[in-house]
PDB file of N, CA and C in Angstrom:
ATOM      1  N   UNK A   1     116.460 138.468 238.019  1.00  0.00           N
ATOM      2  CA  UNK A   1     116.391 139.714 237.249  1.00  0.00           C
ATOM      3  C   UNK A   1     115.110 140.565 238.358  1.00  0.00           C
ATOM      4  N   UNK A   2     115.467 141.471 238.556  1.00  0.00           N
ATOM      5  CA  UNK A   2     114.385 142.564 239.674  1.00  0.00           C
ATOM      6  C   UNK A   2     113.432 142.782 238.770  1.00  0.00           C
ATOM      7  N   UNK A   3     112.534 143.233 238.669  1.00  0.00           N
ATOM      8  CA  UNK A   3     111.136 143.571 237.832  1.00  0.00           C
ATOM      9  C   UNK A   3     110.209 142.899 237.310  1.00  0.00           C
ATOM     10  N   UNK A   4     109.515 142.994 236.537  1.00  0.00           N
ATOM     11  CA  UNK A   4     108.101 142.438 236.144  1.00  0.00           C
ATOM     12  C   UNK A   4     108.218 141.200 235.077  1.00  0.00           C
ATOM     13  N   UNK A   5     109.502 141.420 234.148  1.00  0.00           N
ATOM     14  CA  UNK A   5     109.718 139.961 233.384  1.00  0.00           C
ATOM     15  C   UNK A   5     110.466 138.798 234.363  1.00  0.00           C
ATOM     16  N   UNK A   6     110.048 137.677 234.171  1.00  0.00           N
ATOM     17  CA  UNK A   6     110.130 136.572 234.760  1.00  0.00           C
ATOM     18  C   UNK A   6     111.749 136.007 233.986  1.00  0.00           C
ATOM     19  N   UNK A   7     112.182 135.442 235.104  1.00  0.00           N
ATOM     20  CA  UNK A   7     113.733 134.951 234.386  1.00  0.00           C
ATOM     21  C   UNK A   7     113.550 133.904 233.343  1.00  0.00           C
ATOM     22  N   UNK A   8     112.557 132.813 233.459  1.00  0.00           N
ATOM     23  CA  UNK A   8     112.651 132.159 232.468  1.00  0.00           C
ATOM     24  C   UNK A   8     111.436 132.702 231.630  1.00  0.00           C
ATOM     25  N   UNK A   9     111.371 132.672 230.067  1.00  0.00           N
ATOM     26  CA  UNK A   9     110.008 132.823 229.368  1.00  0.00           C
ATOM     27  C   UNK A   9     110.172 131.400 228.461  1.00  0.00           C
ATOM     28  N   UNK A  10     108.922 131.298 228.654  1.00  0.00           N
ATOM     29  CA  UNK A  10     108.558 130.000 227.751  1.00  0.00           C
ATOM     30  C   UNK A  10     107.899 130.741 226.339  1.00  0.00           C
ATOM     31  N   UNK A  11     108.633 130.578 225.446  1.00  0.00           N
ATOM     32  CA  UNK A  11     108.109 131.122 223.878  1.00  0.00           C
ATOM     33  C   UNK A  11     107.085 130.208 223.439  1.00  0.00           C
ATOM     34  N   UNK A  12     105.932 130.769 222.562  1.00  0.00           N
ATOM     35  CA  UNK A  12     104.850 130.308 222.432  1.00  0.00           C
ATOM     36  C   UNK A  12     105.246 129.777 220.667  1.00  0.00           C
ATOM     37  N   UNK A  13     104.549 129.357 220.017  1.00  0.00           N
ATOM     38  CA  UNK A  13     104.877 128.967 218.713  1.00  0.00           C
ATOM     39  C   UNK A  13     104.959 130.018 217.912  1.00  0.00           C
ATOM     40  N   UNK A  14     104.368 131.026 218.191  1.00  0.00           N
ATOM     41  CA  UNK A  14     104.729 132.745 217.169  1.00  0.00           C
ATOM     42  C   UNK A  14     105.535 133.090 217.751  1.00  0.00           C
ATOM     43  N   UNK A  15     106.382 133.116 218.476  1.00  0.00           N
ATOM     44  CA  UNK A  15     107.976 133.870 218.929  1.00  0.00           C
ATOM     45  C   UNK A  15     108.803 132.969 218.171  1.00  0.00           C
ATOM     46  N   UNK A  16     109.964 133.766 218.094  1.00  0.00           N
ATOM     47  CA  UNK A  16     110.946 133.438 217.329  1.00  0.00           C
ATOM     48  C   UNK A  16     112.030 134.293 217.991  1.00  0.00           C
ATOM     49  N   UNK A  17     113.053 133.517 218.431  1.00  0.00           N
ATOM     50  CA  UNK A  17     113.936 134.129 219.639  1.00  0.00           C
ATOM     51  C   UNK A  17     114.839 135.057 218.858  1.00  0.00           C
ATOM     52  N   UNK A  18     115.352 136.007 219.394  1.00  0.00           N
ATOM     53  CA  UNK A  18     115.915 137.414 218.430  1.00  0.00           C
ATOM     54  C   UNK A  18     117.532 136.461 218.237  1.00  0.00           C
ATOM     55  N   UNK A  19     117.932 135.573 218.940  1.00  0.00           N
ATOM     56  CA  UNK A  19     119.391 135.278 218.627  1.00  0.00           C
ATOM     57  C   UNK A  19     119.493 134.468 217.279  1.00  0.00           C
ATOM     58  N   UNK A  20     118.066 133.963 216.983  1.00  0.00           N
ATOM     59  CA  UNK A  20     118.190 133.441 215.722  1.00  0.00           C
ATOM     60  C   UNK A  20     118.115 133.848 214.402  1.00  0.00           C
ATOM     61  N   UNK A  21     117.789 135.099 214.550  1.00  0.00           N
ATOM     62  CA  UNK A  21     117.852 136.022 213.646  1.00  0.00           C
ATOM     63  C   UNK A  21     118.457 137.480 213.340  1.00  0.00           C
ATOM     64  N   UNK A  22     119.014 137.749 214.311  1.00  0.00           N
ATOM     65  CA  UNK A  22     119.885 138.964 214.650  1.00  0.00           C
ATOM     66  C   UNK A  22     121.290 138.115 214.189  1.00  0.00           C
ATOM     67  N   UNK A  23     121.986 139.580 213.677  1.00  0.00           N
ATOM     68  CA  UNK A  23     123.412 139.080 213.687  1.00  0.00           C
ATOM     69  C   UNK A  23     124.160 139.391 215.000  1.00  0.00           C
ATOM     70  N   UNK A  24     124.596 138.124 215.396  1.00  0.00           N
ATOM     71  CA  UNK A  24     125.395 138.089 216.654  1.00  0.00           C
ATOM     72  C   UNK A  24     126.692 139.270 216.722  1.00  0.00           C
ATOM     73  N   UNK A  25     127.138 139.581 215.871  1.00  0.00           N
ATOM     74  CA  UNK A  25     128.170 140.651 216.169  1.00  0.00           C
ATOM     75  C   UNK A  25     128.076 142.054 215.472  1.00  0.00           C
ATOM     76  N   UNK A  26     126.406 142.272 215.494  1.00  0.00           N
ATOM     77  CA  UNK A  26     126.023 143.715 215.788  1.00  0.00           C
ATOM     78  C   UNK A  26     126.803 144.537 216.823  1.00  0.00           C
ATOM     79  N   UNK A  27     127.083 145.750 216.733  1.00  0.00           N
ATOM     80  CA  UNK A  27     127.666 146.550 217.665  1.00  0.00           C
ATOM     81  C   UNK A  27     127.050 146.383 219.007  1.00  0.00           C
ATOM     82  N   UNK A  28     125.761 146.547 218.965  1.00  0.00           N
ATOM     83  CA  UNK A  28     124.896 146.415 220.257  1.00  0.00           C
ATOM     84  C   UNK A  28     124.697 144.879 220.903  1.00  0.00           C
ATOM     85  N   UNK A  29     124.732 143.995 219.880  1.00  0.00           N
ATOM     86  CA  UNK A  29     125.062 142.467 220.819  1.00  0.00           C
ATOM     87  C   UNK A  29     126.330 142.293 221.447  1.00  0.00           C
ATOM     88  N   UNK A  30     127.342 142.990 220.673  1.00  0.00           N
ATOM     89  CA  UNK A  30     128.441 143.027 221.152  1.00  0.00           C
ATOM     90  C   UNK A  30     128.964 143.725 222.742  1.00  0.00           C
ATOM     91  N   UNK A  31     128.135 145.072 222.477  1.00  0.00           N
ATOM     92  CA  UNK A  31     128.223 145.834 223.868  1.00  0.00           C
ATOM     93  C   UNK A  31     127.444 145.214 225.090  1.00  0.00           C
ATOM     94  N   UNK A  32     126.290 144.618 224.784  1.00  0.00           N
ATOM     95  CA  UNK A  32     125.469 143.998 225.783  1.00  0.00           C
ATOM     96  C   UNK A  32     126.254 142.911 226.484  1.00  0.00           C
ATOM     97  N   UNK A  33     127.166 142.012 225.681  1.00  0.00           N
ATOM     98  CA  UNK A  33     127.950 141.348 226.685  1.00  0.00           C
ATOM     99  C   UNK A  33     129.320 141.769 226.823  1.00  0.00           C
ATOM    100  N   UNK A  34     129.644 142.888 227.048  1.00  0.00           N
ATOM    101  CA  UNK A  34     130.816 143.961 227.583  1.00  0.00           C
ATOM    102  C   UNK A  34     130.344 144.160 229.043  1.00  0.00           C
ATOM    103  N   UNK A  35     128.801 144.428 229.469  1.00  0.00           N
ATOM    104  CA  UNK A  35     128.338 144.915 230.283  1.00  0.00           C
ATOM    105  C   UNK A  35     128.196 143.848 231.250  1.00  0.00           C
ATOM    106  N   UNK A  36     128.536 143.903 232.844  1.00  0.00           N
ATOM    107  CA  UNK A  36     128.394 143.315 233.710  1.00  0.00           C
ATOM    108  C   UNK A  36     126.764 143.587 234.228  1.00  0.00           C
ATOM    109  N   UNK A  37     125.825 142.974 233.656  1.00  0.00           N
ATOM    110  CA  UNK A  37     124.253 143.300 234.167  1.00  0.00           C
ATOM    111  C   UNK A  37     123.791 142.986 235.368  1.00  0.00           C
ATOM    112  N   UNK A  38     124.847 142.256 235.773  1.00  0.00           N
ATOM    113  CA  UNK A  38     124.613 141.714 237.291  1.00  0.00           C
ATOM    114  C   UNK A  38     124.762 142.369 238.220  1.00  0.00           C
ATOM    115  N   UNK A  39     126.245 143.172 238.184  1.00  0.00           N
ATOM    116  CA  UNK A  39     126.656 144.214 238.636  1.00  0.00           C
ATOM    117  C   UNK A  39     125.613 145.159 238.657  1.00  0.00           C
ATOM    118  N   UNK A  40     125.376 146.054 237.666  1.00  0.00           N
ATOM    119  CA  UNK A  40     124.439 147.070 237.453  1.00  0.00           C
ATOM    120  C   UNK A  40     123.338 146.686 238.124  1.00  0.00           C
ATOM    121  N   UNK A  41     122.624 145.505 238.196  1.00  0.00           N
ATOM    122  CA  UNK A  41     121.516 145.242 238.847  1.00  0.00           C
ATOM    123  C   UNK A  41     121.852 145.224 240.312  1.00  0.00           C
ATOM    124  N   UNK A  42     122.521 144.972 240.901  1.00  0.00           N
ATOM    125  CA  UNK A  42     122.809 144.720 242.218  1.00  0.00           C
ATOM    126  C   UNK A  42     123.186 145.930 242.754  1.00  0.00           C
ATOM    127  N   UNK A  43     123.527 146.974 241.857  1.00  0.00           N
ATOM    128  CA  UNK A  43     123.915 148.581 242.170  1.00  0.00           C
ATOM    129  C   UNK A  43     122.521 149.379 242.691  1.00  0.00           C
ATOM    130  N   UNK A  44     121.439 148.914 241.573  1.00  0.00           N
ATOM    131  CA  UNK A  44     120.319 149.588 241.923  1.00  0.00           C
ATOM    132  C   UNK A  44     119.063 148.913 242.539  1.00  0.00           C
ATOM    133  N   UNK A  45     119.434 147.798 242.990  1.00  0.00           N
ATOM    134  CA  UNK A  45     118.865 146.456 243.521  1.00  0.00           C
ATOM    135  C   UNK A  45     118.263 147.311 245.006  1.00  0.00           C
ATOM    136  N   UNK A  46     118.903 148.467 245.385  1.00  0.00           N
ATOM    137  CA  UNK A  46     118.569 148.640 247.043  1.00  0.00           C
ATOM    138  C   UNK A  46     117.107 149.666 246.625  1.00  0.00           C
ATOM    139  N   UNK A  47     116.839 149.999 245.334  1.00  0.00           N
ATOM    140  CA  UNK A  47     115.995 151.144 245.155  1.00  0.00           C
ATOM    141  C   UNK A  47     114.742 150.387 244.689  1.00  0.00           C
ATOM    142  N   UNK A  48     114.542 149.319 244.386  1.00  0.00           N
ATOM    143  CA  UNK A  48     113.640 148.638 243.806  1.00  0.00           C
ATOM    144  C   UNK A  48     112.735 147.669 245.051  1.00  0.00           C
ATOM    145  N   UNK A  49     111.501 147.796 245.236  1.00  0.00           N
ATOM    146  CA  UNK A  49     110.688 147.098 246.405  1.00  0.00           C
ATOM    147  C   UNK A  49     109.874 146.037 245.855  1.00  0.00           C
ATOM    148  N   UNK A  50     110.048 145.011 246.135  1.00  0.00           N
ATOM    149  CA  UNK A  50     108.853 144.148 245.671  1.00  0.00           C
ATOM    150  C   UNK A  50     107.526 144.015 245.703  1.00  0.00           C
ATOM    151  N   UNK A  51     106.952 144.996 246.850  1.00  0.00           N
ATOM    152  CA  UNK A  51     105.631 145.096 247.240  1.00  0.00           C
ATOM    153  C   UNK A  51     105.132 146.474 247.592  1.00  0.00           C
ATOM    154  N   UNK A  52     105.838 147.482 246.337  1.00  0.00           N
ATOM    155  CA  UNK A  52     105.196 148.697 246.240  1.00  0.00           C
ATOM    156  C   UNK A  52     104.789 148.963 245.047  1.00  0.00           C
ATOM    157  N   UNK A  53     103.589 148.738 245.260  1.00  0.00           N
ATOM    158  CA  UNK A  53     102.900 149.267 244.047  1.00  0.00           C
ATOM    159  C   UNK A  53     102.820 148.643 242.600  1.00  0.00           C
ATOM    160  N   UNK A  54     102.714 148.835 241.693  1.00  0.00           N
ATOM    161  CA  UNK A  54     102.605 148.086 240.385  1.00  0.00           C
ATOM    162  C   UNK A  54     104.227 147.294 240.289  1.00  0.00           C
ATOM    163  N   UNK A  55     104.431 146.265 239.439  1.00  0.00           N
ATOM    164  CA  UNK A  55     105.677 145.681 239.422  1.00  0.00           C
ATOM    165  C   UNK A  55     106.730 146.855 238.101  1.00  0.00           C
ATOM    166  N   UNK A  56     107.513 146.819 238.861  1.00  0.00           N
ATOM    167  CA  UNK A  56     108.958 147.598 238.225  1.00  0.00           C
ATOM    168  C   UNK A  56     109.478 147.395 236.913  1.00  0.00           C
ATOM    169  N   UNK A  57     109.788 148.236 236.098  1.00  0.00           N
ATOM    170  CA  UNK A  57     110.440 147.439 234.855  1.00  0.00           C
ATOM    171  C   UNK A  57     111.842 147.159 235.046  1.00  0.00           C
ATOM    172  N   UNK A  58     112.360 146.044 234.724  1.00  0.00           N
ATOM    173  CA  UNK A  58     113.626 145.568 235.070  1.00  0.00           C
ATOM    174  C   UNK A  58     114.673 146.282 234.844  1.00  0.00           C
ATOM    175  N   UNK A  59     115.761 146.544 236.098  1.00  0.00           N
ATOM    176  CA  UNK A  59     116.833 147.353 235.875  1.00  0.00           C
ATOM    177  C   UNK A  59     117.848 147.186 234.634  1.00  0.00           C
ATOM    178  N   UNK A  60     118.000 146.116 233.768  1.00  0.00           N
ATOM    179  CA  UNK A  60     118.773 146.129 232.891  1.00  0.00           C
ATOM    180  C   UNK A  60     117.661 146.670 231.836  1.00  0.00           C
ATOM    181  N   UNK A  61     116.495 146.792 231.868  1.00  0.00           N
ATOM    182  CA  UNK A  61     115.911 147.076 230.863  1.00  0.00           C
ATOM    183  C   UNK A  61     115.810 148.949 230.896  1.00  0.00           C
ATOM    184  N   UNK A  62     115.879 149.240 232.301  1.00  0.00           N
ATOM    185  CA  UNK A  62     115.895 151.025 232.581  1.00  0.00           C
ATOM    186  C   UNK A  62     117.375 151.433 231.857  1.00  0.00           C
ATOM    187  N   UNK A  63     118.287 150.603 232.864  1.00  0.00           N
ATOM    188  CA  UNK A  63     119.518 151.253 232.194  1.00  0.00           C
ATOM    189  C   UNK A  63     119.933 151.016 230.836  1.00  0.00           C
ATOM    190  N   UNK A  64     119.318 150.009 230.116  1.00  0.00           N
ATOM    191  CA  UNK A  64     119.621 149.857 228.946  1.00  0.00           C
ATOM    192  C   UNK A  64     118.996 150.587 227.745  1.00  0.00           C
ATOM    193  N   UNK A  65     117.987 151.545 228.447  1.00  0.00           N
ATOM    194  CA  UNK A  65     117.191 152.368 227.798  1.00  0.00           C
ATOM    195  C   UNK A  65     117.838 153.382 227.776  1.00  0.00           C
ATOM    196  N   UNK A  66     118.229 153.848 228.862  1.00  0.00           N
ATOM    197  CA  UNK A  66     119.046 154.969 229.141  1.00  0.00           C
ATOM    198  C   UNK A  66     120.351 155.430 228.392  1.00  0.00           C
ATOM    199  N   UNK A  67     121.261 154.148 228.292  1.00  0.00           N
ATOM    200  CA  UNK A  67     122.226 153.997 227.549  1.00  0.00           C
ATOM    201  C   UNK A  67     121.942 154.089 225.822  1.00  0.00           C
ATOM    202  N   UNK A  68     120.947 153.552 225.427  1.00  0.00           N
ATOM    203  CA  UNK A  68     120.236 153.792 224.348  1.00  0.00           C
ATOM    204  C   UNK A  68     119.875 155.180 223.777  1.00  0.00           C
ATOM    205  N   UNK A  69     119.540 155.716 224.803  1.00  0.00           N
ATOM    206  CA  UNK A  69     118.961 156.950 224.629  1.00  0.00           C
ATOM    207  C   UNK A  69     120.131 158.260 224.427  1.00  0.00           C
ATOM    208  N   UNK A  70     121.394 157.528 225.089  1.00  0.00           N
ATOM    209  CA  UNK A  70     122.505 158.546 225.073  1.00  0.00           C
ATOM    210  C   UNK A  70     123.388 158.324 223.657  1.00  0.00           C
ATOM    211  N   UNK A  71     123.434 157.048 223.324  1.00  0.00           N
ATOM    212  CA  UNK A  71     123.996 156.710 222.362  1.00  0.00           C
ATOM    213  C   UNK A  71     124.039 157.412 220.987  1.00  0.00           C
ATOM    214  N   UNK A  72     122.453 157.136 220.898  1.00  0.00           N
ATOM    215  CA  UNK A  72     121.696 157.364 219.691  1.00  0.00           C
ATOM    216  C   UNK A  72     121.324 158.940 220.078  1.00  0.00           C
ATOM    217  N   UNK A  73     121.405 159.582 220.646  1.00  0.00           N
ATOM    218  CA  UNK A  73     121.078 160.977 221.230  1.00  0.00           C
ATOM    219  C   UNK A  73     119.419 160.977 220.665  1.00  0.00           C
ATOM    220  N   UNK A  74     118.352 160.368 221.462  1.00  0.00           N
ATOM    221  CA  UNK A  74     117.441 160.363 221.136  1.00  0.00           C
ATOM    222  C   UNK A  74     116.600 160.943 222.434  1.00  0.00           C
ATOM    223  N   UNK A  75     115.188 161.361 222.538  1.00  0.00           N
ATOM    224  CA  UNK A  75     114.307 161.675 223.556  1.00  0.00           C
ATOM    225  C   UNK A  75     113.928 160.639 224.343  1.00  0.00           C
ATOM    226  N   UNK A  76     113.322 160.346 225.360  1.00  0.00           N
ATOM    227  CA  UNK A  76     112.482 159.347 225.979  1.00  0.00           C
ATOM    228  C   UNK A  76     111.988 158.951 225.050  1.00  0.00           C
ATOM    229  N   UNK A  77     110.500 159.882 224.483  1.00  0.00           N
ATOM    230  CA  UNK A  77     109.741 158.933 223.553  1.00  0.00           C
ATOM    231  C   UNK A  77     110.710 158.458 222.390  1.00  0.00           C
ATOM    232  N   UNK A  78     111.620 158.887 221.746  1.00  0.00           N
ATOM    233  CA  UNK A  78     112.184 158.738 220.410  1.00  0.00           C
ATOM    234  C   UNK A  78     112.838 157.193 220.857  1.00  0.00           C
ATOM    235  N   UNK A  79     113.507 157.072 222.287  1.00  0.00           N
ATOM    236  CA  UNK A  79     114.259 155.846 222.446  1.00  0.00           C
ATOM    237  C   UNK A  79     113.108 154.551 222.703  1.00  0.00           C
ATOM    238  N   UNK A  80     112.262 154.964 223.196  1.00  0.00           N
ATOM    239  CA  UNK A  80     111.023 153.669 223.247  1.00  0.00           C
ATOM    240  C   UNK A  80     110.095 153.517 222.253  1.00  0.00           C
ATOM    241  N   UNK A  81     109.797 154.350 221.210  1.00  0.00           N
ATOM    242  CA  UNK A  81     109.530 154.367 219.610  1.00  0.00           C
ATOM    243  C   UNK A  81     110.588 153.510 218.817  1.00  0.00           C
ATOM    244  N   UNK A  82     111.704 153.977 218.919  1.00  0.00           N
ATOM    245  CA  UNK A  82     113.033 152.995 217.870  1.00  0.00           C
ATOM    246  C   UNK A  82     112.642 151.807 218.652  1.00  0.00           C
ATOM    247  N   UNK A  83     113.086 151.424 219.882  1.00  0.00           N
ATOM    248  CA  UNK A  83     112.705 149.973 220.425  1.00  0.00           C
ATOM    249  C   UNK A  83     112.162 149.447 219.949  1.00  0.00           C
ATOM    250  N   UNK A  84     111.189 149.564 219.842  1.00  0.00           N
ATOM    251  CA  UNK A  84     109.694 148.975 219.382  1.00  0.00           C
ATOM    252  C   UNK A  84     109.796 148.335 218.053  1.00  0.00           C
ATOM    253  N   UNK A  85     110.898 149.000 217.022  1.00  0.00           N
ATOM    254  CA  UNK A  85     110.873 148.761 215.907  1.00  0.00           C
ATOM    255  C   UNK A  85     112.402 147.836 215.576  1.00  0.00           C
ATOM    256  N   UNK A  86     113.171 147.753 216.577  1.00  0.00           N
ATOM    257  CA  UNK A  86     114.995 147.741 216.352  1.00  0.00           C
ATOM    258  C   UNK A  86     115.150 146.481 217.065  1.00  0.00           C
ATOM    259  N   UNK A  87     115.300 145.144 216.621  1.00  0.00           N
ATOM    260  CA  UNK A  87     115.126 143.814 217.440  1.00  0.00           C
ATOM    261  C   UNK A  87     116.684 143.969 218.046  1.00  0.00           C
ATOM    262  N   UNK A  88     118.037 145.074 217.976  1.00  0.00           N
ATOM    263  CA  UNK A  88     118.913 145.172 218.367  1.00  0.00           C
ATOM    264  C   UNK A  88     118.984 145.700 219.673  1.00  0.00           C
ATOM    265  N   UNK A  89     118.078 146.710 219.555  1.00  0.00           N
ATOM    266  CA  UNK A  89     117.923 147.377 220.883  1.00  0.00           C
ATOM    267  C   UNK A  89     117.144 146.587 221.980  1.00  0.00           C
ATOM    268  N   UNK A  90     116.456 145.479 221.065  1.00  0.00           N
ATOM    269  CA  UNK A  90     115.806 144.681 222.525  1.00  0.00           C
ATOM    270  C   UNK A  90     116.607 143.678 222.803  1.00  0.00           C
ATOM    271  N   UNK A  91     117.536 143.169 222.086  1.00  0.00           N
ATOM    272  CA  UNK A  91     118.414 142.345 222.516  1.00  0.00           C
ATOM    273  C   UNK A  91     119.251 142.844 223.851  1.00  0.00           C
ATOM    274  N   UNK A  92     119.977 144.265 223.267  1.00  0.00           N
ATOM    275  CA  UNK A  92     120.698 144.979 224.260  1.00  0.00           C
ATOM    276  C   UNK A  92     120.172 144.937 225.580  1.00  0.00           C
ATOM    277  N   UNK A  93     118.747 145.035 225.396  1.00  0.00           N
ATOM    278  CA  UNK A  93     117.878 145.381 226.795  1.00  0.00           C
ATOM    279  C   UNK A  93     117.605 144.052 227.549  1.00  0.00           C
ATOM    280  N   UNK A  94     117.699 143.074 226.789  1.00  0.00           N
ATOM    281  CA  UNK A  94     117.444 141.959 227.571  1.00  0.00           C
ATOM    282  C   UNK A  94     116.530 140.765 227.306  1.00  0.00           C
ATOM    283  N   UNK A  95     115.874 141.185 226.376  1.00  0.00           N
ATOM    284  CA  UNK A  95     114.850 140.701 225.388  1.00  0.00           C
ATOM    285  C   UNK A  95     115.442 139.445 224.855  1.00  0.00           C
ATOM    286  N   UNK A  96     114.486 138.210 224.988  1.00  0.00           N
ATOM    287  CA  UNK A  96     114.887 137.200 224.264  1.00  0.00           C
ATOM    288  C   UNK A  96     113.940 136.818 223.237  1.00  0.00           C
ATOM    289  N   UNK A  97     112.621 137.853 222.906  1.00  0.00           N
ATOM    290  CA  UNK A  97     111.893 137.660 221.799  1.00  0.00           C
ATOM    291  C   UNK A  97     111.377 138.855 221.224  1.00  0.00           C
ATOM    292  N   UNK A  98     111.138 138.918 219.888  1.00  0.00           N
ATOM    293  CA  UNK A  98     110.702 140.486 219.500  1.00  0.00           C
ATOM    294  C   UNK A  98     109.757 140.994 220.094  1.00  0.00           C
ATOM    295  N   UNK A  99     109.541 141.835 220.836  1.00  0.00           N
ATOM    296  CA  UNK A  99     108.434 142.583 221.273  1.00  0.00           C
ATOM    297  C   UNK A  99     107.518 143.544 220.340  1.00  0.00           C
ATOM    298  N   UNK A 100     106.370 143.704 220.638  1.00  0.00           N
ATOM    299  CA  UNK A 100     105.565 144.685 219.805  1.00  0.00           C
ATOM    300  C   UNK A 100     105.027 145.470 220.219  1.00  0.00           C
ATOM    301  N   UNK A 101     105.393 145.538 221.769  1.00  0.00           N
ATOM    302  CA  UNK A 101     104.608 146.586 222.711  1.00  0.00           C
ATOM    303  C   UNK A 101     105.254 147.311 223.124  1.00  0.00           C
ATOM    304  N   UNK A 102     105.265 148.650 223.422  1.00  0.00           N
ATOM    305  CA  UNK A 102     106.401 149.858 224.241  1.00  0.00           C
ATOM    306  C   UNK A 102     106.710 148.753 225.357  1.00  0.00           C
ATOM    307  N   UNK A 103     108.163 148.935 225.893  1.00  0.00           N
ATOM    308  CA  UNK A 103     108.864 148.436 227.079  1.00  0.00           C
ATOM    309  C   UNK A 103     108.329 148.899 228.049  1.00  0.00           C
ATOM    310  N   UNK A 104     107.893 150.552 227.803  1.00  0.00           N
ATOM    311  CA  UNK A 104     107.662 151.274 229.525  1.00  0.00           C
ATOM    312  C   UNK A 104     106.991 152.613 229.054  1.00  0.00           C
ATOM    313  N   UNK A 105     106.473 153.514 229.425  1.00  0.00           N
ATOM    314  CA  UNK A 105     105.882 154.721 229.364  1.00  0.00           C
ATOM    315  C   UNK A 105     107.251 155.398 229.492  1.00  0.00           C
ATOM    316  N   UNK A 106     107.264 156.333 228.579  1.00  0.00           N
ATOM    317  CA  UNK A 106     108.550 157.293 228.728  1.00  0.00           C
ATOM    318  C   UNK A 106     108.812 158.155 229.665  1.00  0.00           C
ATOM    319  N   UNK A 107     107.347 158.347 230.292  1.00  0.00           N
ATOM    320  CA  UNK A 107     107.236 159.105 231.717  1.00  0.00           C
ATOM    321  C   UNK A 107     108.331 158.254 232.626  1.00  0.00           C
ATOM    322  N   UNK A 108     108.404 156.985 232.571  1.00  0.00           N
ATOM    323  CA  UNK A 108     109.220 156.025 233.586  1.00  0.00           C
ATOM    324  C   UNK A 108     110.563 156.274 233.502  1.00  0.00           C
ATOM    325  N   UNK A 109     111.200 156.622 232.303  1.00  0.00           N
ATOM    326  CA  UNK A 109     112.398 157.020 232.270  1.00  0.00           C
ATOM    327  C   UNK A 109     112.778 158.155 233.129  1.00  0.00           C
ATOM    328  N   UNK A 110     112.213 159.373 233.022  1.00  0.00           N
ATOM    329  CA  UNK A 110     112.051 160.242 233.900  1.00  0.00           C
ATOM    330  C   UNK A 110     112.338 160.034 235.242  1.00  0.00           C
ATOM    331  N   UNK A 111     111.657 159.593 235.500  1.00  0.00           N
ATOM    332  CA  UNK A 111     111.233 159.239 237.219  1.00  0.00           C
ATOM    333  C   UNK A 111     112.812 158.343 237.605  1.00  0.00           C
ATOM    334  N   UNK A 112     112.988 157.341 236.703  1.00  0.00           N
ATOM    335  CA  UNK A 112     114.409 156.428 236.699  1.00  0.00           C
ATOM    336  C   UNK A 112     115.484 157.954 236.682  1.00  0.00           C
ATOM    337  N   UNK A 113     115.559 158.807 236.151  1.00  0.00           N
ATOM    338  CA  UNK A 113     116.658 159.772 235.952  1.00  0.00           C
ATOM    339  C   UNK A 113     116.828 160.580 237.512  1.00  0.00           C
ATOM    340  N   UNK A 114     115.460 161.214 237.858  1.00  0.00           N
ATOM    341  CA  UNK A 114     115.475 161.473 238.857  1.00  0.00           C
ATOM    342  C   UNK A 114     116.018 160.374 240.128  1.00  0.00           C
ATOM    343  N   UNK A 115     115.443 159.240 240.159  1.00  0.00           N
ATOM    344  CA  UNK A 115     115.967 158.689 241.010  1.00  0.00           C
ATOM    345  C   UNK A 115     117.869 158.296 240.900  1.00  0.00           C
ATOM    346  N   UNK A 116     117.887 158.247 240.077  1.00  0.00           N
ATOM    347  CA  UNK A 116     119.540 158.089 240.105  1.00  0.00           C
ATOM    348  C   UNK A 116     120.147 159.500 240.230  1.00  0.00           C
ATOM    349  N   UNK A 117     119.630 160.764 240.224  1.00  0.00           N
ATOM    350  CA  UNK A 117     120.149 161.923 240.883  1.00  0.00           C
ATOM    351  C   UNK A 117     120.372 162.120 242.516  1.00  0.00           C
ATOM    352  N   UNK A 118     119.378 161.335 242.913  1.00  0.00           N
ATOM    353  CA  UNK A 118     119.356 161.195 244.526  1.00  0.00           C
ATOM    354  C   UNK A 118     120.295 160.211 244.785  1.00  0.00           C
ATOM    355  N   UNK A 119     120.924 159.577 244.261  1.00  0.00           N
ATOM    356  CA  UNK A 119     122.190 158.255 244.684  1.00  0.00           C
ATOM    357  C   UNK A 119     123.426 159.232 244.604  1.00  0.00           C
TER     358      UNK A 119
END
């Protein structure tokens, strides 16, 4: 996965895997399994640089947040706020354990949209 999230995440004793407490038949879980995230990542990979400034937000998370924003008709700030309290949204964007901090600054979504318009 391109971005600052490592491929393997070792859980601490205080973390609980999302899969252990969410309904695996929820619409966002099922949708996440229908998307070819590797293909999405490969399409955007050329726009990510490993050694250019701070580490980037993973492609799956950025694309997933854009999809959630449109599915639920939310603002950038709204989708980030809702993501923090919704384990299904977190699972959809590739998280393995429940996160308590925002996944990104909403401004990052604006920058990502601008990048997409140039493509």
